Amino acid sequence: MTGKLFLSIRDARSAFWVLLALAAIIASAGAVADSDATVIGAMIVAPLMTPILGSALALILADRRRLLASVALVVGGGVVVVVLECLLGLLTPEPVVAATNSQVAGRVDPKLIDLVAALATGAVGAFALVRADVSDTLPGVAIAISLVPPLAVVGLTLESGAPDQAAGALLLFATNVSAIIATGTTVLLAYRVRASADAAGWPVGTLRAGRWRSWAPR
């Protein structure tokens, strides 16, 4: 699990950024063309679920260094996607806004059902990590949750001069990320991942007297 989620190998980090940039381009094309199929393709390619679940695992292990690294990947990845979308928006002759585009309209006004879907997605993603027999569900998890498309909408609507719509899409992204980490952490705790790591000799941090004692894994 740590090998899959923490992206500590240089090649894994390089692949993350390449896939993220390609997902941003695909999402931009899907949003501009108002194409559901293309946007779904961007969801499958996007690698953001990895550092998000990595944040949940780092919380379980009380590993502050890897938690910060995972959060930095999520935040940095989000910034990169938004900047790319702003640049790609310059190539679009017409404004990409909710009034004329259903892909944008569906992501600028988050609803309670979006939060419910994100909570369930985080649970399924963590469940697939701890259960090898259901790991084949991960592509479905990628499709179920909206991560890169809201960021694409943020960049495109900012470039189109609609900051209020951009704020709504950013709220959707932040809500989805928070919900995935929350339920992912809960599932990992329920499956006693922390205890298993400790029993296997993996250094596990502790919370004592209000201070997070973090140990660097071997």
Protein backbone atom coordinates (compact mmCIF):
# COMPACT_ATOMS: atom_id res chain seq x y z
CA MET A 1 0.00 0.00 0.00
CA THR A 2 2.80 2.44 0.83
CA GLY A 3 4.47 1.66 -2.49
CA LYS A 4 1.24 2.35 -4.37
CA LEU A 5 0.22 5.54 -2.59
CA PHE A 6 3.29 7.47 -1.47
CA LEU A 7 4.97 7.88 -4.90
CA SER A 8 8.42 7.83 -3.33
CA ILE A 9 10.07 6.57 -6.53
CA ARG A 10 11.12 9.22 -9.02
CA ASP A 11 9.60 7.37 -11.98
CA ALA A 12 6.26 7.18 -10.16
CA ARG A 13 6.25 10.92 -9.55
CA SER A 14 7.15 11.59 -13.18
CA ALA A 15 4.29 9.37 -14.34
CA PHE A 16 1.95 11.24 -11.99
CA TRP A 17 2.69 14.62 -13.56
CA VAL A 18 2.54 13.30 -17.12
CA LEU A 19 -0.82 11.60 -16.54
CA LEU A 20 -2.17 14.65 -14.74
CA ALA A 21 -1.24 16.96 -17.64
CA LEU A 22 -2.82 14.58 -20.15
CA ALA A 23 -5.94 14.27 -18.00
CA ALA A 24 -6.19 18.07 -17.88
CA ILE A 25 -6.02 18.30 -21.66
CA ILE A 26 -8.64 15.57 -22.08
CA ALA A 27 -10.90 17.21 -19.49
CA SER A 28 -10.55 20.55 -21.23
CA ALA A 29 -11.50 19.02 -24.57
CA GLY A 30 -14.46 17.26 -22.97
CA ALA A 31 -15.71 20.39 -21.24
CA VAL A 32 -15.35 22.61 -24.31
CA ALA A 33 -17.04 20.01 -26.54
CA ASP A 34 -19.63 19.30 -23.83
CA SER A 35 -18.84 15.60 -24.19
CA ASP A 36 -19.61 13.20 -21.33
CA ALA A 37 -17.51 10.40 -22.85
CA THR A 38 -14.41 12.58 -23.12
CA VAL A 39 -14.77 13.85 -19.55
CA ILE A 40 -15.09 10.25 -18.33
CA GLY A 41 -11.83 9.50 -20.14
CA ALA A 42 -10.15 12.29 -18.18
CA MET A 43 -11.48 10.80 -14.94
CA ILE A 44 -9.91 7.43 -15.74
CA VAL A 45 -6.53 8.91 -16.69
CA ALA A 46 -6.32 11.35 -13.76
CA PRO A 47 -3.96 10.09 -11.01
CA LEU A 48 -5.13 12.40 -8.20
CA MET A 49 -6.83 9.60 -6.28
CA THR A 50 -3.38 8.17 -5.46
CA PRO A 51 -2.05 11.05 -3.31
CA ILE A 52 -5.52 11.63 -1.83
CA LEU A 53 -5.68 8.07 -0.51
CA GLY A 54 -2.00 8.43 0.34
CA SER A 55 -3.00 11.28 2.66
CA ALA A 56 -5.48 8.96 4.38
CA LEU A 57 -2.81 6.27 4.82
CA ALA A 58 -0.30 8.79 6.15
CA LEU A 59 -2.89 9.94 8.69
CA ILE A 60 -3.36 6.35 9.83
CA LEU A 61 0.39 5.85 10.22
CA ALA A 62 0.82 9.31 11.79
CA ASP A 63 3.55 9.94 9.24
CA ARG A 64 3.72 13.73 9.03
CA ARG A 65 6.39 13.85 6.32
CA ARG A 66 4.45 11.65 3.93
CA LEU A 67 1.19 13.37 4.80
CA LEU A 68 2.68 16.72 3.83
CA ALA A 69 4.14 15.20 0.65
CA SER A 70 0.78 13.71 -0.34
CA VAL A 71 -1.12 16.92 0.38
CA ALA A 72 1.50 18.88 -1.57
CA LEU A 73 0.94 16.61 -4.57
CA VAL A 74 -2.82 17.15 -4.40
CA VAL A 75 -2.54 20.92 -4.04
CA GLY A 76 0.28 21.25 -6.55
CA GLY A 77 -1.55 19.02 -9.01
CA GLY A 78 -4.67 21.14 -8.62
CA VAL A 79 -2.74 24.32 -9.32
CA VAL A 80 -1.10 22.80 -12.39
CA VAL A 81 -4.45 21.70 -13.82
CA VAL A 82 -6.05 25.11 -13.25
CA VAL A 83 -3.14 26.92 -14.91
CA LEU A 84 -3.19 24.54 -17.88
CA GLU A 85 -6.94 25.04 -18.27
CA CYS A 86 -6.56 28.81 -18.23
CA LEU A 87 -3.99 28.53 -21.01
CA LEU A 88 -6.12 26.08 -22.99
CA GLY A 89 -9.10 28.38 -22.52
CA LEU A 90 -7.24 31.03 -24.51
CA LEU A 91 -7.58 28.75 -27.54
CA THR A 92 -11.36 28.61 -27.19
CA PRO A 93 -13.17 31.33 -29.18
CA GLU A 94 -16.34 31.28 -27.05
CA PRO A 95 -16.62 31.62 -23.25
CA VAL A 96 -17.00 28.27 -21.47
CA VAL A 97 -19.65 29.02 -18.85
CA ALA A 98 -22.63 27.33 -17.20
CA ALA A 99 -25.21 29.11 -19.31
CA THR A 100 -24.04 27.42 -22.50
CA ASN A 101 -22.29 24.26 -21.31
CA SER A 102 -23.79 21.37 -19.34
CA GLN A 103 -20.37 20.09 -18.21
CA VAL A 104 -19.75 23.42 -16.52
CA ALA A 105 -23.30 23.77 -15.19
CA GLY A 106 -23.08 20.37 -13.49
CA ARG A 107 -19.95 21.34 -11.53
CA VAL A 108 -20.42 24.92 -10.37
CA ASP A 109 -23.23 24.30 -7.90
CA PRO A 110 -22.26 21.45 -5.51
CA LYS A 111 -25.16 19.56 -3.94
CA LEU A 112 -25.53 17.19 -1.01
CA ILE A 113 -25.65 14.21 -3.37
CA ASP A 114 -22.15 15.13 -4.57
CA LEU A 115 -20.90 14.87 -1.00
CA VAL A 116 -22.62 11.51 -0.54
CA ALA A 117 -21.00 10.19 -3.74
CA ALA A 118 -17.57 11.41 -2.60
CA LEU A 119 -17.95 9.75 0.81
CA ALA A 120 -18.89 6.45 -0.82
CA THR A 121 -16.05 6.75 -3.33
CA GLY A 122 -13.46 7.21 -0.59
CA ALA A 123 -14.79 4.14 1.18
CA VAL A 124 -14.68 2.03 -1.98
CA GLY A 125 -11.18 3.25 -2.87
CA ALA A 126 -9.79 2.34 0.55
CA PHE A 127 -11.69 -0.97 0.54
CA ALA A 128 -10.12 -1.85 -2.81
CA LEU A 129 -6.68 -1.15 -1.34
CA VAL A 130 -7.07 -3.48 1.64
CA ARG A 131 -8.86 -6.20 -0.32
CA ALA A 132 -6.85 -7.51 -3.27
CA ASP A 133 -9.86 -9.46 -4.53
CA VAL A 134 -11.74 -6.24 -5.31
CA SER A 135 -8.85 -4.18 -6.68
CA ASP A 136 -10.37 -4.40 -10.16
CA THR A 137 -12.99 -1.89 -9.02
CA LEU A 138 -10.47 0.97 -8.95
CA PRO A 139 -11.18 2.13 -12.54
CA GLY A 140 -14.83 2.35 -11.56
CA VAL A 141 -13.86 4.41 -8.53
CA ALA A 142 -11.98 6.82 -10.81
CA ILE A 143 -15.10 7.26 -12.94
CA ALA A 144 -17.40 7.64 -9.94
CA ILE A 145 -15.69 10.69 -8.47
CA SER A 146 -15.09 14.05 -10.10
CA LEU A 147 -11.56 15.34 -9.44
CA VAL A 148 -9.89 16.74 -12.55
CA PRO A 149 -13.13 17.89 -14.31
CA PRO A 150 -13.99 20.43 -11.57
CA LEU A 151 -10.45 21.78 -11.75
CA ALA A 152 -10.83 22.03 -15.53
CA VAL A 153 -14.01 24.03 -14.98
CA VAL A 154 -12.19 26.30 -12.51
CA GLY A 155 -9.55 27.21 -15.09
CA LEU A 156 -11.93 27.53 -18.04
CA THR A 157 -14.45 29.69 -16.17
CA LEU A 158 -11.72 31.90 -14.73
CA GLU A 159 -10.41 32.49 -18.23
CA SER A 160 -13.99 33.16 -19.37
CA GLY A 161 -14.47 35.84 -16.72
CA ALA A 162 -16.81 33.91 -14.40
CA PRO A 163 -15.05 33.80 -11.00
CA ASP A 164 -18.24 32.86 -9.12
CA GLN A 165 -18.61 29.71 -11.21
CA ALA A 166 -14.92 28.95 -10.71
CA ALA A 167 -15.40 29.23 -6.94
CA GLY A 168 -18.29 26.75 -7.09
CA ALA A 169 -16.23 24.22 -9.04
CA LEU A 170 -13.31 24.64 -6.65
CA LEU A 171 -15.66 24.01 -3.72
CA LEU A 172 -16.80 20.78 -5.40
CA PHE A 173 -13.20 19.64 -5.78
CA ALA A 174 -12.29 20.51 -2.19
CA THR A 175 -15.39 18.77 -0.85
CA ASN A 176 -14.64 15.63 -2.85
CA VAL A 177 -11.04 15.51 -1.64
CA SER A 178 -12.03 16.04 2.00
CA ALA A 179 -14.76 13.39 1.83
CA ILE A 180 -12.44 10.82 0.24
CA ILE A 181 -9.78 11.36 2.91
CA ALA A 182 -12.38 11.15 5.69
CA THR A 183 -14.00 7.90 4.63
CA GLY A 184 -10.72 6.44 3.38
CA THR A 185 -9.20 7.01 6.81
CA THR A 186 -12.23 5.44 8.47
CA VAL A 187 -12.04 2.30 6.33
CA LEU A 188 -8.30 1.91 6.87
CA LEU A 189 -8.84 2.21 10.61
CA ALA A 190 -11.64 -0.34 10.52
CA TYR A 191 -9.34 -2.80 8.75
CA ARG A 192 -6.67 -2.24 11.42
CA VAL A 193 -4.07 -1.11 8.92
CA ARG A 194 -2.24 0.81 11.64
CA ALA A 195 -2.00 -2.27 13.86
CA SER A 196 -0.87 -4.41 10.92
CA ALA A 197 1.87 -1.91 10.05
CA ASP A 198 3.05 -1.86 13.64
CA ALA A 199 3.07 -5.67 13.84
CA ALA A 200 5.06 -5.85 10.59
CA GLY A 201 7.74 -3.57 12.01
CA TRP A 202 6.82 -0.49 10.02
CA PRO A 203 7.54 2.58 12.18
CA VAL A 204 4.21 4.11 13.18
CA GLY A 205 3.95 7.59 14.68
CA THR A 206 1.97 8.34 17.81
CA LEU A 207 -0.04 11.23 19.19
CA ARG A 208 1.18 12.17 22.65
CA ALA A 209 0.53 15.25 24.73
CA GLY A 210 -0.85 17.09 21.71
CA ARG A 211 2.28 16.49 19.64
CA TRP A 212 2.46 14.31 16.57
CA ARG A 213 5.52 12.11 16.85
CA SER A 214 6.27 11.06 13.32
CA TRP A 215 8.69 8.31 12.39
CA ALA A 216 10.25 8.03 8.95
CA PRO A 217 9.45 4.58 7.49
CA ARG A 218 12.36 2.38 6.59
